[in-house]
PDB file of N, CA and C in Angstrom:
ATOM      1  N   UNK A   1      12.790  22.151  -8.336  1.00  0.00           N
ATOM      2  CA  UNK A   1      11.592  21.655  -7.698  1.00  0.00           C
ATOM      3  C   UNK A   1      11.711  21.944  -6.206  1.00  0.00           C
ATOM      4  N   UNK A   2      10.673  22.514  -5.628  1.00  0.00           N
ATOM      5  CA  UNK A   2      10.694  22.799  -4.196  1.00  0.00           C
ATOM      6  C   UNK A   2      10.242  21.570  -3.423  1.00  0.00           C
ATOM      7  N   UNK A   3      10.637  21.507  -2.182  1.00  0.00           N
ATOM      8  CA  UNK A   3      10.277  20.400  -1.295  1.00  0.00           C
ATOM      9  C   UNK A   3       9.458  20.940  -0.143  1.00  0.00           C
ATOM     10  N   UNK A   4       8.611  20.112   0.408  1.00  0.00           N
ATOM     11  CA  UNK A   4       7.834  20.480   1.577  1.00  0.00           C
ATOM     12  C   UNK A   4       7.653  19.243   2.442  1.00  0.00           C
ATOM     13  N   UNK A   5       7.269  19.445   3.659  1.00  0.00           N
ATOM     14  CA  UNK A   5       6.949  18.305   4.521  1.00  0.00           C
ATOM     15  C   UNK A   5       5.539  18.505   5.063  1.00  0.00           C
ATOM     16  N   UNK A   6       4.852  17.398   5.250  1.00  0.00           N
ATOM     17  CA  UNK A   6       3.468  17.427   5.713  1.00  0.00           C
ATOM     18  C   UNK A   6       3.405  16.595   6.988  1.00  0.00           C
ATOM     19  N   UNK A   7       3.138  17.221   8.119  1.00  0.00           N
ATOM     20  CA  UNK A   7       3.063  16.438   9.359  1.00  0.00           C
ATOM     21  C   UNK A   7       1.787  15.589   9.402  1.00  0.00           C
ATOM     22  N   UNK A   8       1.942  14.305   9.661  1.00  0.00           N
ATOM     23  CA  UNK A   8       0.807  13.388   9.832  1.00  0.00           C
ATOM     24  C   UNK A   8       1.116  12.489  11.017  1.00  0.00           C
ATOM     25  N   UNK A   9       0.092  11.935  11.622  1.00  0.00           N
ATOM     26  CA  UNK A   9       0.348  11.042  12.752  1.00  0.00           C
ATOM     27  C   UNK A   9       0.757   9.656  12.249  1.00  0.00           C
ATOM     28  N   UNK A  10       1.286   8.857  13.131  1.00  0.00           N
ATOM     29  CA  UNK A  10       1.830   7.553  12.720  1.00  0.00           C
ATOM     30  C   UNK A  10       0.746   6.607  12.209  1.00  0.00           C
ATOM     31  N   UNK A  11      -0.474   6.715  12.735  1.00  0.00           N
ATOM     32  CA  UNK A  11      -1.556   5.854  12.249  1.00  0.00           C
ATOM     33  C   UNK A  11      -1.876   6.168  10.788  1.00  0.00           C
ATOM     34  N   UNK A  12      -1.929   7.443  10.459  1.00  0.00           N
ATOM     35  CA  UNK A  12      -2.181   7.842   9.075  1.00  0.00           C
ATOM     36  C   UNK A  12      -1.051   7.370   8.178  1.00  0.00           C
ATOM     37  N   UNK A  13       0.176   7.511   8.619  1.00  0.00           N
ATOM     38  CA  UNK A  13       1.346   7.062   7.837  1.00  0.00           C
ATOM     39  C   UNK A  13       1.268   5.560   7.598  1.00  0.00           C
ATOM     40  N   UNK A  14       0.889   4.802   8.616  1.00  0.00           N
ATOM     41  CA  UNK A  14       0.764   3.346   8.463  1.00  0.00           C
ATOM     42  C   UNK A  14      -0.308   2.994   7.437  1.00  0.00           C
ATOM     43  N   UNK A  15      -1.438   3.685   7.472  1.00  0.00           N
ATOM     44  CA  UNK A  15      -2.514   3.416   6.523  1.00  0.00           C
ATOM     45  C   UNK A  15      -2.075   3.740   5.098  1.00  0.00           C
ATOM     46  N   UNK A  16      -1.380   4.858   4.938  1.00  0.00           N
ATOM     47  CA  UNK A  16      -0.884   5.225   3.614  1.00  0.00           C
ATOM     48  C   UNK A  16       0.180   4.239   3.138  1.00  0.00           C
ATOM     49  N   UNK A  17       1.018   3.785   4.040  1.00  0.00           N
ATOM     50  CA  UNK A  17       2.081   2.830   3.676  1.00  0.00           C
ATOM     51  C   UNK A  17       1.507   1.544   3.096  1.00  0.00           C
ATOM     52  N   UNK A  18       0.342   1.127   3.583  1.00  0.00           N
ATOM     53  CA  UNK A  18      -0.282  -0.097   3.065  1.00  0.00           C
ATOM     54  C   UNK A  18      -0.786   0.095   1.635  1.00  0.00           C
ATOM     55  N   UNK A  19      -1.098   1.331   1.265  1.00  0.00           N
ATOM     56  CA  UNK A  19      -1.577   1.614  -0.092  1.00  0.00           C
ATOM     57  C   UNK A  19      -0.444   1.881  -1.076  1.00  0.00           C
ATOM     58  N   UNK A  20       0.707   2.272  -0.549  1.00  0.00           N
ATOM     59  CA  UNK A  20       1.851   2.643  -1.391  1.00  0.00           C
ATOM     60  C   UNK A  20       2.508   1.390  -1.961  1.00  0.00           C
ATOM     61  N   UNK A  21       2.830   1.440  -3.233  1.00  0.00           N
ATOM     62  CA  UNK A  21       3.537   0.320  -3.880  1.00  0.00           C
ATOM     63  C   UNK A  21       5.006   0.346  -3.475  1.00  0.00           C
ATOM     64  N   UNK A  22       5.606  -0.813  -3.405  1.00  0.00           N
ATOM     65  CA  UNK A  22       7.007  -0.896  -2.970  1.00  0.00           C
ATOM     66  C   UNK A  22       7.973  -0.276  -3.975  1.00  0.00           C
ATOM     67  N   UNK A  23       7.554  -0.183  -5.235  1.00  0.00           N
ATOM     68  CA  UNK A  23       8.455   0.346  -6.267  1.00  0.00           C
ATOM     69  C   UNK A  23       8.237   1.829  -6.563  1.00  0.00           C
ATOM     70  N   UNK A  24       7.478   2.535  -5.724  1.00  0.00           N
ATOM     71  CA  UNK A  24       7.270   3.950  -5.981  1.00  0.00           C
ATOM     72  C   UNK A  24       7.732   4.800  -4.795  1.00  0.00           C
ATOM     73  N   UNK A  25       8.138   6.007  -5.106  1.00  0.00           N
ATOM     74  CA  UNK A  25       8.531   6.954  -4.063  1.00  0.00           C
ATOM     75  C   UNK A  25       7.264   7.517  -3.423  1.00  0.00           C
ATOM     76  N   UNK A  26       7.428   8.180  -2.291  1.00  0.00           N
ATOM     77  CA  UNK A  26       6.272   8.815  -1.660  1.00  0.00           C
ATOM     78  C   UNK A  26       5.679   9.874  -2.583  1.00  0.00           C
ATOM     79  N   UNK A  27       6.511  10.608  -3.287  1.00  0.00           N
ATOM     80  CA  UNK A  27       6.010  11.624  -4.219  1.00  0.00           C
ATOM     81  C   UNK A  27       5.195  10.969  -5.335  1.00  0.00           C
ATOM     82  N   UNK A  28       5.692   9.862  -5.889  1.00  0.00           N
ATOM     83  CA  UNK A  28       4.958   9.146  -6.935  1.00  0.00           C
ATOM     84  C   UNK A  28       3.626   8.619  -6.388  1.00  0.00           C
ATOM     85  N   UNK A  29       3.665   8.083  -5.174  1.00  0.00           N
ATOM     86  CA  UNK A  29       2.446   7.562  -4.550  1.00  0.00           C
ATOM     87  C   UNK A  29       1.397   8.663  -4.371  1.00  0.00           C
ATOM     88  N   UNK A  30       1.817   9.806  -3.815  1.00  0.00           N
ATOM     89  CA  UNK A  30       0.865  10.893  -3.585  1.00  0.00           C
ATOM     90  C   UNK A  30       0.340  11.469  -4.889  1.00  0.00           C
ATOM     91  N   UNK A  31       1.172  11.502  -5.911  1.00  0.00           N
ATOM     92  CA  UNK A  31       0.719  11.951  -7.229  1.00  0.00           C
ATOM     93  C   UNK A  31      -0.333  10.982  -7.767  1.00  0.00           C
ATOM     94  N   UNK A  32      -0.094   9.689  -7.611  1.00  0.00           N
ATOM     95  CA  UNK A  32      -1.065   8.673  -8.051  1.00  0.00           C
ATOM     96  C   UNK A  32      -2.353   8.794  -7.244  1.00  0.00           C
ATOM     97  N   UNK A  33      -2.224   8.996  -5.961  1.00  0.00           N
ATOM     98  CA  UNK A  33      -3.390   9.117  -5.090  1.00  0.00           C
ATOM     99  C   UNK A  33      -4.250  10.317  -5.482  1.00  0.00           C
ATOM    100  N   UNK A  34      -3.597  11.403  -5.832  1.00  0.00           N
ATOM    101  CA  UNK A  34      -4.315  12.632  -6.184  1.00  0.00           C
ATOM    102  C   UNK A  34      -4.743  12.669  -7.645  1.00  0.00           C
ATOM    103  N   UNK A  35      -4.212  11.779  -8.463  1.00  0.00           N
ATOM    104  CA  UNK A  35      -4.525  11.786  -9.887  1.00  0.00           C
ATOM    105  C   UNK A  35      -5.855  11.150 -10.207  1.00  0.00           C
ATOM    106  N   UNK A  36      -6.270  11.329 -11.416  1.00  0.00           N
ATOM    107  CA  UNK A  36      -7.540  10.758 -11.871  1.00  0.00           C
ATOM    108  C   UNK A  36      -7.340   9.581 -12.816  1.00  0.00           C
ATOM    109  N   UNK A  37      -6.092   9.321 -13.236  1.00  0.00           N
ATOM    110  CA  UNK A  37      -5.833   8.249 -14.191  1.00  0.00           C
ATOM    111  C   UNK A  37      -6.059   6.864 -13.600  1.00  0.00           C
ATOM    112  N   UNK A  38      -5.589   6.643 -12.399  1.00  0.00           N
ATOM    113  CA  UNK A  38      -5.679   5.334 -11.773  1.00  0.00           C
ATOM    114  C   UNK A  38      -6.042   5.504 -10.310  1.00  0.00           C
ATOM    115  N   UNK A  39      -7.329   5.646 -10.006  1.00  0.00           N
ATOM    116  CA  UNK A  39      -7.717   5.895  -8.621  1.00  0.00           C
ATOM    117  C   UNK A  39      -7.426   4.695  -7.728  1.00  0.00           C
ATOM    118  N   UNK A  40      -7.080   4.981  -6.498  1.00  0.00           N
ATOM    119  CA  UNK A  40      -6.883   3.927  -5.504  1.00  0.00           C
ATOM    120  C   UNK A  40      -8.252   3.500  -5.004  1.00  0.00           C
ATOM    121  N   UNK A  41      -8.464   2.236  -4.879  1.00  0.00           N
ATOM    122  CA  UNK A  41      -9.747   1.714  -4.441  1.00  0.00           C
ATOM    123  C   UNK A  41      -9.750   1.590  -2.922  1.00  0.00           C
ATOM    124  N   UNK A  42      -9.865   2.717  -2.253  1.00  0.00           N
ATOM    125  CA  UNK A  42      -9.902   2.724  -0.802  1.00  0.00           C
ATOM    126  C   UNK A  42     -11.162   2.008  -0.347  1.00  0.00           C
ATOM    127  N   UNK A  43     -11.007   1.156   0.631  1.00  0.00           N
ATOM    128  CA  UNK A  43     -12.156   0.434   1.142  1.00  0.00           C
ATOM    129  C   UNK A  43     -12.376  -0.912   0.484  1.00  0.00           C
ATOM    130  N   UNK A  44     -11.500  -1.306  -0.420  1.00  0.00           N
ATOM    131  CA  UNK A  44     -11.625  -2.631  -1.041  1.00  0.00           C
ATOM    132  C   UNK A  44     -11.524  -3.696   0.041  1.00  0.00           C
ATOM    133  N   UNK A  45     -12.199  -4.792  -0.166  1.00  0.00           N
ATOM    134  CA  UNK A  45     -12.205  -5.854   0.829  1.00  0.00           C
ATOM    135  C   UNK A  45     -10.823  -6.445   1.029  1.00  0.00           C
ATOM    136  N   UNK A  46     -10.559  -6.844   2.248  1.00  0.00           N
ATOM    137  CA  UNK A  46      -9.347  -7.607   2.535  1.00  0.00           C
ATOM    138  C   UNK A  46      -9.528  -9.012   1.960  1.00  0.00           C
ATOM    139  N   UNK A  47      -8.441  -9.745   1.823  1.00  0.00           N
ATOM    140  CA  UNK A  47      -8.530 -11.129   1.330  1.00  0.00           C
ATOM    141  C   UNK A  47      -9.438 -11.966   2.228  1.00  0.00           C
ATOM    142  N   UNK A  48      -9.337 -11.755   3.531  1.00  0.00           N
ATOM    143  CA  UNK A  48     -10.142 -12.513   4.492  1.00  0.00           C
ATOM    144  C   UNK A  48     -11.632 -12.220   4.297  1.00  0.00           C
ATOM    145  N   UNK A  49     -11.980 -10.934   4.169  1.00  0.00           N
ATOM    146  CA  UNK A  49     -13.380 -10.571   3.961  1.00  0.00           C
ATOM    147  C   UNK A  49     -13.907 -11.099   2.630  1.00  0.00           C
ATOM    148  N   UNK A  50     -13.109 -10.984   1.588  1.00  0.00           N
ATOM    149  CA  UNK A  50     -13.528 -11.466   0.267  1.00  0.00           C
ATOM    150  C   UNK A  50     -13.772 -12.970   0.302  1.00  0.00           C
ATOM    151  N   UNK A  51     -12.909 -13.703   0.988  1.00  0.00           N
ATOM    152  CA  UNK A  51     -13.075 -15.159   1.086  1.00  0.00           C
ATOM    153  C   UNK A  51     -14.344 -15.504   1.860  1.00  0.00           C
ATOM    154  N   UNK A  52     -14.628 -14.765   2.920  1.00  0.00           N
ATOM    155  CA  UNK A  52     -15.849 -15.010   3.696  1.00  0.00           C
ATOM    156  C   UNK A  52     -17.094 -14.779   2.842  1.00  0.00           C
ATOM    157  N   UNK A  53     -17.075 -13.770   2.007  1.00  0.00           N
ATOM    158  CA  UNK A  53     -18.208 -13.500   1.112  1.00  0.00           C
ATOM    159  C   UNK A  53     -18.344 -14.617   0.084  1.00  0.00           C
ATOM    160  N   UNK A  54     -17.208 -15.053  -0.485  1.00  0.00           N
ATOM    161  CA  UNK A  54     -17.258 -16.163  -1.460  1.00  0.00           C
ATOM    162  C   UNK A  54     -17.876 -17.408  -0.830  1.00  0.00           C
ATOM    163  N   UNK A  55     -17.455 -17.708   0.380  1.00  0.00           N
ATOM    164  CA  UNK A  55     -17.986 -18.893   1.062  1.00  0.00           C
ATOM    165  C   UNK A  55     -19.484 -18.755   1.327  1.00  0.00           C
ATOM    166  N   UNK A  56     -19.909 -17.572   1.696  1.00  0.00           N
ATOM    167  CA  UNK A  56     -21.334 -17.333   1.924  1.00  0.00           C
ATOM    168  C   UNK A  56     -22.142 -17.511   0.645  1.00  0.00           C
ATOM    169  N   UNK A  57     -21.621 -17.009  -0.453  1.00  0.00           N
ATOM    170  CA  UNK A  57     -22.288 -17.160  -1.745  1.00  0.00           C
ATOM    171  C   UNK A  57     -22.353 -18.637  -2.136  1.00  0.00           C
ATOM    172  N   UNK A  58     -21.255 -19.348  -1.931  1.00  0.00           N
ATOM    173  CA  UNK A  58     -21.239 -20.782  -2.252  1.00  0.00           C
ATOM    174  C   UNK A  58     -22.277 -21.536  -1.423  1.00  0.00           C
ATOM    175  N   UNK A  59     -22.378 -21.230  -0.122  1.00  0.00           N
ATOM    176  CA  UNK A  59     -23.378 -21.900   0.730  1.00  0.00           C
ATOM    177  C   UNK A  59     -24.788 -21.590   0.239  1.00  0.00           C
ATOM    178  N   UNK A  60     -25.012 -20.357  -0.141  1.00  0.00           N
ATOM    179  CA  UNK A  60     -26.338 -19.957  -0.628  1.00  0.00           C
ATOM    180  C   UNK A  60     -26.673 -20.709  -1.910  1.00  0.00           C
ATOM    181  N   UNK A  61     -25.734 -20.797  -2.829  1.00  0.00           N
ATOM    182  CA  UNK A  61     -25.976 -21.522  -4.079  1.00  0.00           C
ATOM    183  C   UNK A  61     -26.265 -22.988  -3.817  1.00  0.00           C
ATOM    184  N   UNK A  62     -25.493 -23.577  -2.893  1.00  0.00           N
ATOM    185  CA  UNK A  62     -25.703 -24.988  -2.562  1.00  0.00           C
ATOM    186  C   UNK A  62     -27.103 -25.205  -1.990  1.00  0.00           C
ATOM    187  N   UNK A  63     -27.567 -24.257  -1.152  1.00  0.00           N
ATOM    188  CA  UNK A  63     -28.874 -24.422  -0.539  1.00  0.00           C
ATOM    189  C   UNK A  63     -30.003 -24.374  -1.561  1.00  0.00           C
ATOM    190  N   UNK A  64     -29.748 -23.741  -2.706  1.00  0.00           N
ATOM    191  CA  UNK A  64     -30.748 -23.676  -3.768  1.00  0.00           C
ATOM    192  C   UNK A  64     -30.442 -24.677  -4.893  1.00  0.00           C
ATOM    193  N   UNK A  65     -29.459 -25.530  -4.669  1.00  0.00           N
ATOM    194  CA  UNK A  65     -29.102 -26.505  -5.679  1.00  0.00           C
ATOM    195  C   UNK A  65     -28.424 -25.907  -6.899  1.00  0.00           C
ATOM    196  N   UNK A  66     -27.744 -24.804  -6.707  1.00  0.00           N
ATOM    197  CA  UNK A  66     -27.098 -24.116  -7.814  1.00  0.00           C
ATOM    198  C   UNK A  66     -25.574 -24.237  -7.716  1.00  0.00           C
ATOM    199  N   UNK A  67     -25.075 -25.407  -7.457  1.00  0.00           N
ATOM    200  CA  UNK A  67     -23.622 -25.600  -7.333  1.00  0.00           C
ATOM    201  C   UNK A  67     -22.922 -25.130  -8.585  1.00  0.00           C
ATOM    202  N   UNK A  68     -21.733 -24.601  -8.405  1.00  0.00           N
ATOM    203  CA  UNK A  68     -20.961 -24.126  -9.573  1.00  0.00           C
ATOM    204  C   UNK A  68     -20.467 -25.257 -10.398  1.00  0.00           C
TER     205      UNK A  68
END
């Protein structure tokens, strides 16, 4: 198997590192990223954003008397 290196800036490396699983190698990560079996959901909400949306939905339901 041949090896290669791909120059990227540190910001790009940091962004990729957040998507990479701790139990996979960089090669495994890039193969997963490029594969079609299990696409990475780039742009998924952060926990903070998701919680803010949940709270907004809850307030809206309460205002219409639709409590969960």
